[in-house]
N, C-alpha and C. Protein backbone atom coordinates (compact mmCIF):
# COMPACT_ATOMS: atom_id res chain seq x y z
N MET A 1 38.24 15.69 -30.26
CA MET A 1 37.50 16.95 -30.34
C MET A 1 36.00 16.68 -30.51
N PHE A 2 35.20 17.41 -29.77
CA PHE A 2 33.75 17.24 -29.82
C PHE A 2 33.21 17.53 -31.22
N ILE A 3 33.85 18.43 -31.96
CA ILE A 3 33.37 18.81 -33.28
C ILE A 3 33.31 17.62 -34.22
N GLN A 4 34.11 16.58 -33.97
CA GLN A 4 34.11 15.39 -34.82
C GLN A 4 32.76 14.67 -34.78
N THR A 5 32.04 14.84 -33.65
CA THR A 5 30.72 14.23 -33.52
C THR A 5 29.77 14.76 -34.58
N LEU A 6 29.98 16.00 -35.00
CA LEU A 6 29.12 16.61 -36.01
C LEU A 6 29.14 15.83 -37.31
N PHE A 7 30.30 15.30 -37.66
CA PHE A 7 30.45 14.57 -38.92
C PHE A 7 30.09 13.10 -38.77
N LYS A 8 30.26 12.56 -37.56
CA LYS A 8 29.92 11.15 -37.33
C LYS A 8 28.44 10.95 -37.06
N SER A 9 27.87 11.85 -36.26
CA SER A 9 26.45 11.74 -35.90
C SER A 9 25.88 13.13 -35.67
N PRO A 10 25.44 13.79 -36.74
CA PRO A 10 24.92 15.17 -36.63
C PRO A 10 23.77 15.30 -35.62
N ILE A 11 22.91 14.29 -35.55
CA ILE A 11 21.77 14.36 -34.64
C ILE A 11 22.24 14.35 -33.19
N GLN A 12 23.21 13.47 -32.90
CA GLN A 12 23.76 13.43 -31.54
C GLN A 12 24.44 14.74 -31.20
N PHE A 13 25.19 15.28 -32.13
CA PHE A 13 25.86 16.57 -31.92
C PHE A 13 24.85 17.66 -31.59
N LEU A 14 23.80 17.74 -32.38
CA LEU A 14 22.78 18.78 -32.17
C LEU A 14 22.06 18.57 -30.85
N THR A 15 21.76 17.31 -30.53
CA THR A 15 21.05 17.01 -29.28
C THR A 15 21.86 17.45 -28.07
N ILE A 16 23.15 17.10 -28.05
CA ILE A 16 24.02 17.47 -26.93
C ILE A 16 24.14 18.98 -26.82
N CYS A 17 24.30 19.66 -27.97
CA CYS A 17 24.42 21.12 -27.95
C CYS A 17 23.18 21.78 -27.39
N VAL A 18 22.01 21.30 -27.81
CA VAL A 18 20.75 21.89 -27.33
C VAL A 18 20.62 21.66 -25.83
N ILE A 19 20.94 20.45 -25.36
CA ILE A 19 20.84 20.15 -23.93
C ILE A 19 21.79 21.03 -23.13
N LEU A 20 23.04 21.15 -23.59
CA LEU A 20 24.02 21.96 -22.88
C LEU A 20 23.62 23.43 -22.84
N VAL A 21 23.21 23.96 -23.99
CA VAL A 21 22.84 25.37 -24.06
C VAL A 21 21.67 25.66 -23.14
N PHE A 22 20.63 24.83 -23.20
CA PHE A 22 19.46 25.04 -22.35
C PHE A 22 19.82 24.94 -20.88
N SER A 23 20.62 23.92 -20.52
CA SER A 23 20.97 23.68 -19.12
C SER A 23 21.82 24.81 -18.56
N ILE A 24 22.80 25.28 -19.34
CA ILE A 24 23.65 26.37 -18.88
C ILE A 24 22.85 27.66 -18.77
N CYS A 25 22.00 27.93 -19.75
CA CYS A 25 21.20 29.16 -19.72
C CYS A 25 20.22 29.15 -18.55
N LEU A 26 19.62 28.01 -18.26
CA LEU A 26 18.71 27.94 -17.11
C LEU A 26 19.49 28.09 -15.80
N HIS A 27 20.68 27.51 -15.76
CA HIS A 27 21.57 27.68 -14.61
C HIS A 27 21.84 29.16 -14.35
N GLU A 28 22.20 29.89 -15.40
CA GLU A 28 22.50 31.32 -15.25
C GLU A 28 21.23 32.12 -14.98
N TYR A 29 20.13 31.73 -15.58
CA TYR A 29 18.85 32.41 -15.32
C TYR A 29 18.52 32.35 -13.83
N CYS A 30 18.73 31.19 -13.22
CA CYS A 30 18.42 31.04 -11.80
C CYS A 30 19.35 31.87 -10.93
N HIS A 31 20.61 32.01 -11.34
CA HIS A 31 21.51 32.94 -10.64
C HIS A 31 20.92 34.35 -10.68
N ALA A 32 20.52 34.77 -11.88
CA ALA A 32 19.99 36.12 -12.06
C ALA A 32 18.69 36.32 -11.29
N TRP A 33 17.83 35.32 -11.35
CA TRP A 33 16.54 35.42 -10.65
C TRP A 33 16.75 35.56 -9.15
N MET A 34 17.65 34.77 -8.60
CA MET A 34 17.90 34.83 -7.16
C MET A 34 18.56 36.16 -6.78
N ALA A 35 19.49 36.63 -7.64
CA ALA A 35 20.13 37.92 -7.37
C ALA A 35 19.09 39.04 -7.37
N TYR A 36 18.18 39.00 -8.34
CA TYR A 36 17.11 40.00 -8.42
C TYR A 36 16.22 39.92 -7.17
N ARG A 37 15.92 38.70 -6.77
CA ARG A 37 15.06 38.48 -5.59
C ARG A 37 15.74 38.98 -4.32
N GLU A 38 17.08 38.93 -4.30
CA GLU A 38 17.82 39.34 -3.11
C GLU A 38 18.19 40.82 -3.12
N GLY A 39 17.74 41.56 -4.15
CA GLY A 39 17.91 43.01 -4.13
C GLY A 39 18.70 43.62 -5.27
N ASP A 40 19.35 42.83 -6.11
CA ASP A 40 20.14 43.37 -7.22
C ASP A 40 19.26 43.49 -8.46
N SER A 41 18.66 44.64 -8.65
CA SER A 41 17.76 44.85 -9.78
C SER A 41 18.46 44.78 -11.13
N SER A 42 19.80 45.02 -11.15
CA SER A 42 20.53 44.97 -12.42
C SER A 42 20.57 43.56 -12.99
N ALA A 43 20.35 42.55 -12.15
CA ALA A 43 20.38 41.16 -12.61
C ALA A 43 19.20 40.83 -13.52
N SER A 44 18.18 41.69 -13.55
CA SER A 44 17.02 41.43 -14.39
C SER A 44 17.39 41.35 -15.86
N GLU A 45 18.51 42.00 -16.25
CA GLU A 45 18.96 41.96 -17.63
C GLU A 45 19.37 40.55 -18.05
N TYR A 46 19.65 39.69 -17.08
CA TYR A 46 20.09 38.33 -17.38
C TYR A 46 19.01 37.28 -17.07
N MET A 47 17.81 37.76 -16.83
CA MET A 47 16.70 36.83 -16.63
C MET A 47 16.12 36.48 -18.00
N THR A 48 16.90 35.72 -18.74
CA THR A 48 16.56 35.31 -20.09
C THR A 48 17.24 33.99 -20.39
N LEU A 49 16.72 33.27 -21.36
CA LEU A 49 17.34 32.01 -21.80
C LEU A 49 18.09 32.20 -23.11
N ASN A 50 18.31 33.46 -23.48
CA ASN A 50 19.05 33.76 -24.70
C ASN A 50 20.51 33.35 -24.53
N PRO A 51 20.99 32.36 -25.29
CA PRO A 51 22.38 31.88 -25.10
C PRO A 51 23.44 32.93 -25.41
N LEU A 52 23.14 33.85 -26.33
CA LEU A 52 24.11 34.90 -26.64
C LEU A 52 24.28 35.84 -25.45
N ARG A 53 23.22 35.99 -24.67
CA ARG A 53 23.27 36.84 -23.49
C ARG A 53 23.91 36.11 -22.30
N GLN A 54 23.53 34.86 -22.12
CA GLN A 54 23.98 34.11 -20.95
C GLN A 54 25.37 33.50 -21.14
N MET A 55 25.69 33.10 -22.38
CA MET A 55 26.94 32.39 -22.62
C MET A 55 27.93 33.20 -23.44
N GLY A 56 27.44 33.85 -24.48
CA GLY A 56 28.32 34.62 -25.34
C GLY A 56 28.84 33.78 -26.51
N PHE A 57 29.31 34.47 -27.54
CA PHE A 57 29.75 33.79 -28.76
C PHE A 57 30.92 32.85 -28.52
N MET A 58 31.91 33.28 -27.75
CA MET A 58 33.09 32.46 -27.54
C MET A 58 32.75 31.16 -26.82
N SER A 59 31.88 31.22 -25.82
CA SER A 59 31.47 30.02 -25.11
C SER A 59 30.75 29.06 -26.05
N LEU A 60 29.87 29.59 -26.89
CA LEU A 60 29.15 28.75 -27.84
C LEU A 60 30.11 28.12 -28.84
N LEU A 61 31.11 28.87 -29.25
CA LEU A 61 32.09 28.35 -30.20
C LEU A 61 32.91 27.24 -29.57
N MET A 62 33.36 27.44 -28.33
CA MET A 62 34.14 26.42 -27.64
C MET A 62 33.31 25.16 -27.39
N MET A 63 32.02 25.34 -27.14
CA MET A 63 31.15 24.18 -26.96
C MET A 63 31.09 23.36 -28.23
N ALA A 64 30.95 24.03 -29.37
CA ALA A 64 30.85 23.32 -30.64
C ALA A 64 32.15 22.62 -31.00
N ILE A 65 33.29 23.19 -30.60
CA ILE A 65 34.59 22.64 -30.99
C ILE A 65 35.08 21.57 -30.01
N ILE A 66 35.09 21.89 -28.72
CA ILE A 66 35.66 20.96 -27.74
C ILE A 66 34.65 20.45 -26.72
N GLY A 67 33.41 20.92 -26.79
CA GLY A 67 32.38 20.42 -25.89
C GLY A 67 32.40 21.01 -24.50
N ILE A 68 33.12 22.11 -24.31
CA ILE A 68 33.18 22.78 -23.01
C ILE A 68 32.63 24.19 -23.15
N ALA A 69 31.69 24.56 -22.29
CA ALA A 69 31.07 25.88 -22.38
C ALA A 69 30.87 26.44 -20.99
N TRP A 70 30.53 27.71 -20.94
CA TRP A 70 30.35 28.37 -19.65
C TRP A 70 29.36 29.53 -19.81
N GLY A 71 28.93 30.07 -18.70
CA GLY A 71 28.08 31.24 -18.69
C GLY A 71 28.44 32.10 -17.51
N ALA A 72 27.91 33.31 -17.46
CA ALA A 72 28.23 34.20 -16.35
C ALA A 72 27.15 35.26 -16.19
N VAL A 73 26.80 35.51 -14.94
CA VAL A 73 25.85 36.57 -14.61
C VAL A 73 26.52 37.51 -13.62
N PRO A 74 26.90 38.71 -14.04
CA PRO A 74 27.51 39.67 -13.11
C PRO A 74 26.46 40.17 -12.12
N VAL A 75 26.83 40.21 -10.85
CA VAL A 75 25.91 40.68 -9.82
C VAL A 75 26.59 41.76 -8.99
N ASP A 76 25.78 42.62 -8.43
CA ASP A 76 26.26 43.69 -7.57
C ASP A 76 25.95 43.31 -6.13
N VAL A 77 26.95 42.77 -5.44
CA VAL A 77 26.73 42.25 -4.09
C VAL A 77 26.38 43.36 -3.10
N SER A 78 26.72 44.59 -3.44
CA SER A 78 26.42 45.71 -2.53
C SER A 78 24.92 45.95 -2.43
N ARG A 79 24.17 45.43 -3.38
CA ARG A 79 22.72 45.61 -3.36
C ARG A 79 21.98 44.50 -2.63
N PHE A 80 22.68 43.46 -2.27
CA PHE A 80 22.03 42.34 -1.59
C PHE A 80 21.52 42.77 -0.22
N ARG A 81 20.36 42.24 0.14
CA ARG A 81 19.72 42.66 1.38
C ARG A 81 20.05 41.77 2.57
N GLY A 82 20.25 40.48 2.32
CA GLY A 82 20.40 39.54 3.42
C GLY A 82 21.84 39.07 3.64
N ARG A 83 22.08 38.52 4.81
CA ARG A 83 23.40 38.00 5.17
C ARG A 83 23.81 36.86 4.25
N TRP A 84 22.83 36.04 3.85
CA TRP A 84 23.13 34.86 3.06
C TRP A 84 22.73 35.03 1.59
N SER A 85 22.55 36.26 1.17
CA SER A 85 22.12 36.50 -0.21
C SER A 85 23.10 35.95 -1.24
N ARG A 86 24.39 36.20 -1.01
CA ARG A 86 25.39 35.74 -1.98
C ARG A 86 25.44 34.22 -2.03
N LEU A 87 25.26 33.59 -0.88
CA LEU A 87 25.23 32.13 -0.84
C LEU A 87 24.04 31.59 -1.63
N LYS A 88 22.89 32.21 -1.46
CA LYS A 88 21.69 31.79 -2.19
C LYS A 88 21.89 31.93 -3.70
N VAL A 89 22.49 33.05 -4.10
CA VAL A 89 22.72 33.28 -5.53
C VAL A 89 23.67 32.23 -6.08
N ALA A 90 24.72 31.93 -5.33
CA ALA A 90 25.71 30.95 -5.79
C ALA A 90 25.10 29.57 -5.96
N LEU A 91 24.21 29.19 -5.05
CA LEU A 91 23.64 27.85 -5.08
C LEU A 91 22.44 27.73 -6.00
N ALA A 92 21.89 28.85 -6.45
CA ALA A 92 20.70 28.81 -7.29
C ALA A 92 20.96 28.11 -8.62
N GLY A 93 22.15 28.35 -9.21
CA GLY A 93 22.48 27.71 -10.49
C GLY A 93 22.59 26.21 -10.37
N PRO A 94 23.46 25.69 -9.47
CA PRO A 94 23.55 24.24 -9.28
C PRO A 94 22.22 23.61 -8.88
N ALA A 95 21.41 24.36 -8.12
CA ALA A 95 20.10 23.84 -7.73
C ALA A 95 19.22 23.59 -8.95
N ALA A 96 19.34 24.47 -9.96
CA ALA A 96 18.59 24.29 -11.19
C ALA A 96 19.02 23.01 -11.90
N ASN A 97 20.33 22.77 -11.93
CA ASN A 97 20.84 21.54 -12.55
C ASN A 97 20.42 20.31 -11.77
N LEU A 98 20.41 20.42 -10.43
CA LEU A 98 19.95 19.31 -9.59
C LEU A 98 18.50 18.99 -9.89
N PHE A 99 17.68 20.03 -10.01
CA PHE A 99 16.26 19.83 -10.31
C PHE A 99 16.07 19.11 -11.64
N MET A 100 16.84 19.52 -12.66
CA MET A 100 16.70 18.90 -13.98
C MET A 100 17.20 17.47 -13.99
N PHE A 101 18.27 17.20 -13.23
CA PHE A 101 18.75 15.83 -13.09
C PHE A 101 17.68 14.96 -12.42
N LEU A 102 17.10 15.46 -11.33
CA LEU A 102 16.07 14.70 -10.62
C LEU A 102 14.84 14.49 -11.49
N LEU A 103 14.53 15.46 -12.35
CA LEU A 103 13.40 15.32 -13.27
C LEU A 103 13.66 14.17 -14.24
N ALA A 104 14.88 14.11 -14.78
CA ALA A 104 15.23 13.02 -15.69
C ALA A 104 15.18 11.68 -14.97
N ALA A 105 15.71 11.64 -13.74
CA ALA A 105 15.70 10.41 -12.95
C ALA A 105 14.27 9.97 -12.66
N LEU A 106 13.40 10.93 -12.36
CA LEU A 106 12.00 10.62 -12.06
C LEU A 106 11.30 10.03 -13.28
N ILE A 107 11.64 10.54 -14.45
CA ILE A 107 11.04 10.00 -15.68
C ILE A 107 11.42 8.54 -15.85
N PHE A 108 12.68 8.20 -15.62
CA PHE A 108 13.11 6.81 -15.73
C PHE A 108 12.39 5.93 -14.71
N ILE A 109 12.24 6.44 -13.50
CA ILE A 109 11.57 5.66 -12.46
C ILE A 109 10.10 5.44 -12.81
N LEU A 110 9.43 6.47 -13.31
CA LEU A 110 8.02 6.35 -13.69
C LEU A 110 7.85 5.39 -14.86
N VAL A 111 8.76 5.48 -15.83
CA VAL A 111 8.69 4.56 -16.96
C VAL A 111 8.89 3.13 -16.48
N GLY A 112 9.80 2.95 -15.51
CA GLY A 112 10.03 1.62 -14.96
C GLY A 112 8.81 1.08 -14.25
N LEU A 113 8.06 1.95 -13.59
CA LEU A 113 6.86 1.53 -12.88
C LEU A 113 5.73 1.18 -13.85
N VAL A 114 5.62 1.96 -14.93
CA VAL A 114 4.53 1.76 -15.88
C VAL A 114 4.85 0.68 -16.91
N ARG A 115 6.11 0.71 -17.38
CA ARG A 115 6.51 -0.23 -18.44
C ARG A 115 7.94 -0.71 -18.18
N PRO A 116 8.12 -1.64 -17.26
CA PRO A 116 9.45 -2.08 -16.86
C PRO A 116 10.32 -2.56 -18.00
N SER A 117 9.74 -3.26 -18.96
CA SER A 117 10.52 -3.81 -20.06
C SER A 117 11.16 -2.72 -20.91
N GLY A 118 10.62 -1.52 -20.85
CA GLY A 118 11.17 -0.42 -21.63
C GLY A 118 12.49 0.08 -21.11
N LEU A 119 12.89 -0.38 -19.90
CA LEU A 119 14.15 0.08 -19.31
C LEU A 119 15.23 -1.00 -19.32
N ASN A 120 14.94 -2.14 -19.90
CA ASN A 120 15.96 -3.17 -19.98
C ASN A 120 17.17 -2.69 -20.76
N HIS A 121 16.91 -1.91 -21.76
CA HIS A 121 17.97 -1.25 -22.52
C HIS A 121 17.51 0.17 -22.82
N ILE A 122 18.45 1.10 -22.79
CA ILE A 122 18.11 2.49 -23.11
C ILE A 122 17.98 2.59 -24.62
N SER A 123 16.77 2.71 -25.11
CA SER A 123 16.54 2.77 -26.54
C SER A 123 15.44 3.77 -26.83
N GLY A 124 15.40 4.18 -28.08
CA GLY A 124 14.40 5.15 -28.47
C GLY A 124 14.91 6.56 -28.27
N PRO A 125 14.61 7.45 -29.19
CA PRO A 125 15.15 8.81 -29.12
C PRO A 125 14.76 9.60 -27.88
N VAL A 126 13.53 9.41 -27.41
CA VAL A 126 13.07 10.16 -26.25
C VAL A 126 13.85 9.77 -25.00
N MET A 127 14.02 8.46 -24.79
CA MET A 127 14.73 8.00 -23.61
C MET A 127 16.20 8.37 -23.65
N VAL A 128 16.78 8.36 -24.85
CA VAL A 128 18.18 8.78 -24.99
C VAL A 128 18.34 10.25 -24.61
N ILE A 129 17.39 11.07 -25.07
CA ILE A 129 17.44 12.50 -24.75
C ILE A 129 17.30 12.71 -23.24
N VAL A 130 16.38 11.98 -22.61
CA VAL A 130 16.20 12.09 -21.16
C VAL A 130 17.47 11.66 -20.43
N TYR A 131 18.08 10.58 -20.92
CA TYR A 131 19.32 10.07 -20.33
C TYR A 131 20.43 11.13 -20.41
N LEU A 132 20.63 11.69 -21.60
CA LEU A 132 21.67 12.71 -21.78
C LEU A 132 21.35 13.97 -20.98
N PHE A 133 20.08 14.32 -20.92
CA PHE A 133 19.64 15.51 -20.17
C PHE A 133 20.02 15.36 -18.70
N GLY A 134 19.73 14.19 -18.13
CA GLY A 134 20.08 13.95 -16.74
C GLY A 134 21.57 13.89 -16.53
N MET A 135 22.29 13.24 -17.44
CA MET A 135 23.73 13.08 -17.30
C MET A 135 24.45 14.42 -17.34
N TYR A 136 24.12 15.27 -18.30
CA TYR A 136 24.81 16.55 -18.44
C TYR A 136 24.46 17.49 -17.31
N ASN A 137 23.23 17.43 -16.81
CA ASN A 137 22.88 18.31 -15.70
C ASN A 137 23.54 17.86 -14.40
N PHE A 138 23.71 16.56 -14.22
CA PHE A 138 24.43 16.08 -13.05
C PHE A 138 25.89 16.53 -13.14
N THR A 139 26.47 16.46 -14.34
CA THR A 139 27.85 16.91 -14.55
C THR A 139 28.00 18.39 -14.24
N LEU A 140 27.08 19.21 -14.75
CA LEU A 140 27.14 20.65 -14.51
C LEU A 140 27.01 20.98 -13.03
N MET A 141 26.12 20.27 -12.35
CA MET A 141 25.92 20.52 -10.92
C MET A 141 27.19 20.22 -10.13
N VAL A 142 27.76 19.04 -10.34
CA VAL A 142 28.94 18.63 -9.59
C VAL A 142 30.13 19.54 -9.90
N PHE A 143 30.34 19.82 -11.19
CA PHE A 143 31.47 20.66 -11.59
C PHE A 143 31.38 22.04 -10.98
N ASN A 144 30.20 22.65 -11.03
CA ASN A 144 30.05 24.00 -10.50
C ASN A 144 30.13 24.07 -8.98
N LEU A 145 29.94 22.95 -8.31
CA LEU A 145 30.02 22.94 -6.86
C LEU A 145 31.44 22.67 -6.34
N LEU A 146 32.40 22.48 -7.26
CA LEU A 146 33.78 22.31 -6.82
C LEU A 146 34.25 23.59 -6.12
N PRO A 147 34.91 23.47 -4.97
CA PRO A 147 35.36 24.67 -4.23
C PRO A 147 36.64 25.25 -4.84
N VAL A 148 36.51 25.71 -6.08
CA VAL A 148 37.64 26.29 -6.82
C VAL A 148 37.27 27.71 -7.22
N PRO A 149 38.17 28.68 -7.02
CA PRO A 149 37.87 30.07 -7.41
C PRO A 149 37.36 30.16 -8.84
N GLY A 150 36.28 30.92 -8.99
CA GLY A 150 35.66 31.05 -10.30
C GLY A 150 34.40 30.23 -10.44
N LEU A 151 34.20 29.28 -9.53
CA LEU A 151 33.02 28.43 -9.59
C LEU A 151 32.08 28.74 -8.42
N ASP A 152 30.83 28.31 -8.57
CA ASP A 152 29.82 28.56 -7.54
C ASP A 152 30.21 27.94 -6.20
N GLY A 153 30.88 26.78 -6.27
CA GLY A 153 31.27 26.10 -5.04
C GLY A 153 32.22 26.92 -4.19
N TRP A 154 33.09 27.69 -4.85
CA TRP A 154 34.02 28.54 -4.11
C TRP A 154 33.28 29.69 -3.42
N ILE A 155 32.34 30.29 -4.13
CA ILE A 155 31.57 31.39 -3.53
C ILE A 155 30.79 30.88 -2.33
N ALA A 156 30.17 29.71 -2.48
CA ALA A 156 29.39 29.14 -1.37
C ALA A 156 30.31 28.84 -0.19
N ALA A 157 31.48 28.24 -0.47
CA ALA A 157 32.41 27.90 0.61
C ALA A 157 32.93 29.15 1.31
N SER A 158 33.21 30.21 0.53
CA SER A 158 33.75 31.44 1.13
C SER A 158 32.69 32.18 1.95
N GLU A 159 31.43 31.97 1.63
CA GLU A 159 30.37 32.56 2.44
C GLU A 159 30.19 31.79 3.74
N LEU A 160 30.37 30.48 3.68
CA LEU A 160 30.25 29.66 4.88
C LEU A 160 31.49 29.75 5.76
N PHE A 161 32.64 29.94 5.10
CA PHE A 161 33.92 30.05 5.81
C PHE A 161 34.62 31.33 5.35
N PRO A 162 34.28 32.48 5.94
CA PRO A 162 34.76 33.79 5.49
C PRO A 162 36.27 33.92 5.37
N ARG A 163 37.03 33.12 6.09
CA ARG A 163 38.49 33.23 6.00
C ARG A 163 39.00 32.93 4.60
N LEU A 164 38.22 32.19 3.83
CA LEU A 164 38.63 31.87 2.46
C LEU A 164 38.71 33.12 1.59
N LYS A 165 38.01 34.18 1.99
CA LYS A 165 38.01 35.41 1.21
C LYS A 165 39.36 36.12 1.28
N THR A 166 40.18 35.73 2.24
CA THR A 166 41.48 36.37 2.38
C THR A 166 42.57 35.62 1.61
N ILE A 167 42.17 34.58 0.89
CA ILE A 167 43.14 33.82 0.10
C ILE A 167 43.84 34.74 -0.90
N SER A 168 45.14 34.58 -1.05
CA SER A 168 45.91 35.45 -1.94
C SER A 168 45.53 35.26 -3.40
N SER A 169 45.81 36.29 -4.18
CA SER A 169 45.52 36.25 -5.61
C SER A 169 46.36 35.19 -6.31
N GLU A 170 47.56 34.92 -5.78
CA GLU A 170 48.43 33.91 -6.38
C GLU A 170 47.79 32.52 -6.25
N PHE A 171 47.19 32.27 -5.11
CA PHE A 171 46.50 31.00 -4.92
C PHE A 171 45.33 30.90 -5.89
N ALA A 172 44.60 32.00 -6.05
CA ALA A 172 43.46 32.02 -6.95
C ALA A 172 43.89 31.73 -8.39
N LYS A 173 45.03 32.31 -8.79
CA LYS A 173 45.53 32.06 -10.15
C LYS A 173 45.91 30.59 -10.31
N GLY A 174 46.54 30.03 -9.28
CA GLY A 174 46.91 28.61 -9.33
C GLY A 174 45.68 27.72 -9.40
N ALA A 175 44.66 28.10 -8.63
CA ALA A 175 43.42 27.32 -8.63
C ALA A 175 42.73 27.39 -9.99
N MET A 176 42.79 28.56 -10.63
CA MET A 176 42.20 28.70 -11.95
C MET A 176 42.94 27.83 -12.96
N LEU A 177 44.26 27.75 -12.83
CA LEU A 177 45.03 26.88 -13.71
C LEU A 177 44.64 25.43 -13.49
N PHE A 178 44.46 25.07 -12.22
CA PHE A 178 44.02 23.73 -11.88
C PHE A 178 42.66 23.45 -12.50
N LEU A 179 41.77 24.44 -12.47
CA LEU A 179 40.43 24.29 -13.02
C LEU A 179 40.49 24.05 -14.53
N ILE A 180 41.36 24.79 -15.20
CA ILE A 180 41.50 24.62 -16.65
C ILE A 180 42.01 23.22 -16.98
N LEU A 181 43.03 22.77 -16.23
CA LEU A 181 43.57 21.42 -16.46
C LEU A 181 42.51 20.36 -16.15
N LEU A 182 41.74 20.60 -15.09
CA LEU A 182 40.69 19.67 -14.72
C LEU A 182 39.64 19.57 -15.82
N ALA A 183 39.30 20.72 -16.39
CA ALA A 183 38.29 20.75 -17.44
C ALA A 183 38.73 19.94 -18.65
N PHE A 184 40.01 20.04 -18.99
CA PHE A 184 40.50 19.37 -20.19
C PHE A 184 40.80 17.89 -19.97
N PHE A 185 41.34 17.57 -18.80
CA PHE A 185 41.80 16.20 -18.59
C PHE A 185 40.93 15.38 -17.64
N GLY A 186 40.15 16.05 -16.82
CA GLY A 186 39.36 15.31 -15.83
C GLY A 186 37.88 15.25 -16.11
N VAL A 187 37.40 16.06 -17.03
CA VAL A 187 35.96 16.12 -17.26
C VAL A 187 35.43 14.80 -17.79
N GLN A 188 36.27 14.03 -18.51
CA GLN A 188 35.82 12.75 -19.04
C GLN A 188 35.44 11.79 -17.90
N TYR A 189 36.18 11.89 -16.79
CA TYR A 189 35.86 11.04 -15.65
C TYR A 189 34.57 11.49 -14.96
N LEU A 190 34.34 12.78 -14.96
CA LEU A 190 33.10 13.30 -14.41
C LEU A 190 31.92 12.87 -15.26
N PHE A 191 32.10 12.91 -16.58
CA PHE A 191 31.04 12.42 -17.48
C PHE A 191 30.78 10.93 -17.24
N ALA A 192 31.84 10.17 -17.05
CA ALA A 192 31.70 8.73 -16.80
C ALA A 192 30.92 8.49 -15.50
N ALA A 193 31.24 9.29 -14.46
CA ALA A 193 30.54 9.16 -13.19
C ALA A 193 29.06 9.54 -13.35
N SER A 194 28.80 10.58 -14.13
CA SER A 194 27.42 11.02 -14.37
C SER A 194 26.65 9.97 -15.14
N ALA A 195 27.32 9.35 -16.12
CA ALA A 195 26.67 8.27 -16.89
C ALA A 195 26.33 7.10 -15.98
N TRP A 196 27.24 6.79 -15.03
CA TRP A 196 26.99 5.71 -14.07
C TRP A 196 25.78 6.03 -13.19
N VAL A 197 25.70 7.27 -12.75
CA VAL A 197 24.56 7.68 -11.91
C VAL A 197 23.25 7.52 -12.67
N MET A 198 23.24 7.95 -13.95
CA MET A 198 22.02 7.81 -14.74
C MET A 198 21.69 6.35 -14.98
N GLN A 199 22.72 5.52 -15.16
CA GLN A 199 22.48 4.09 -15.33
C GLN A 199 21.85 3.50 -14.08
N MET A 200 22.27 4.00 -12.92
CA MET A 200 21.66 3.55 -11.67
C MET A 200 20.18 3.94 -11.60
N MET A 201 19.85 5.10 -12.16
CA MET A 201 18.45 5.52 -12.21
C MET A 201 17.63 4.60 -13.11
N VAL A 202 18.26 4.18 -14.20
CA VAL A 202 17.60 3.23 -15.11
C VAL A 202 17.33 1.92 -14.38
N LEU A 203 18.36 1.41 -13.69
CA LEU A 203 18.21 0.14 -12.97
C LEU A 203 17.21 0.27 -11.83
N LEU A 204 17.19 1.44 -11.17
CA LEU A 204 16.23 1.66 -10.10
C LEU A 204 14.81 1.61 -10.64
N GLY A 205 14.61 2.27 -11.78
CA GLY A 205 13.27 2.24 -12.39
C GLY A 205 12.85 0.84 -12.77
N ALA A 206 13.78 0.07 -13.33
CA ALA A 206 13.48 -1.30 -13.72
C ALA A 206 13.18 -2.16 -12.49
N HIS A 207 13.96 -1.93 -11.42
CA HIS A 207 13.77 -2.70 -10.18
C HIS A 207 12.41 -2.40 -9.55
N LEU A 208 12.06 -1.13 -9.48
CA LEU A 208 10.78 -0.75 -8.89
C LEU A 208 9.61 -1.30 -9.71
N GLY A 209 9.83 -1.40 -11.01
CA GLY A 209 8.77 -1.93 -11.87
C GLY A 209 8.74 -3.44 -11.91
N GLY A 210 9.72 -4.07 -11.25
CA GLY A 210 9.72 -5.52 -11.21
C GLY A 210 10.27 -6.17 -12.47
N ALA A 211 11.11 -5.41 -13.25
CA ALA A 211 11.65 -5.97 -14.49
C ALA A 211 12.70 -7.01 -14.18
């Protein structure tokens, strides 16, 4: 249970919570911003980084206990102006996570160029925070892009391949069950993959700096 981290390392627990809350809220903010830009004025209510608004109490509680959280921005698709409006809204959230991951990666690369020896080992509170920031945002991006009902990836896929919209509700329920099982049993592998990607960014920075 993630909550055990609170007693073993309170600072690490708080750092991860802050990173997750900010990343999820920015993800949802970008959904809302794009929806507003595409014609849904009601989405302006969710153009905020307030976690109680974007995530809700239950999501925050689950994050503190098991380390899994979520957010949601309801949109009125009937107000969208363009053919690809829904696709843009769906991809806006993962795009925000991609941007934050690339920002973290860029910091490692720049540090490698300026001070290569500083990347031989990930040390120091600032670099650890940057590392975790990049890792969790890469995780959020990949997870949300899975083509499973309920996730941004499914909305994007159904907009690109309209026949997916005719999928039966029974399939959707099964896919949601799969998503729940994936979240509980497979997310550790996704975190491991994200950690590997960030480690590659560290090595890339060191290599470019000639370490």
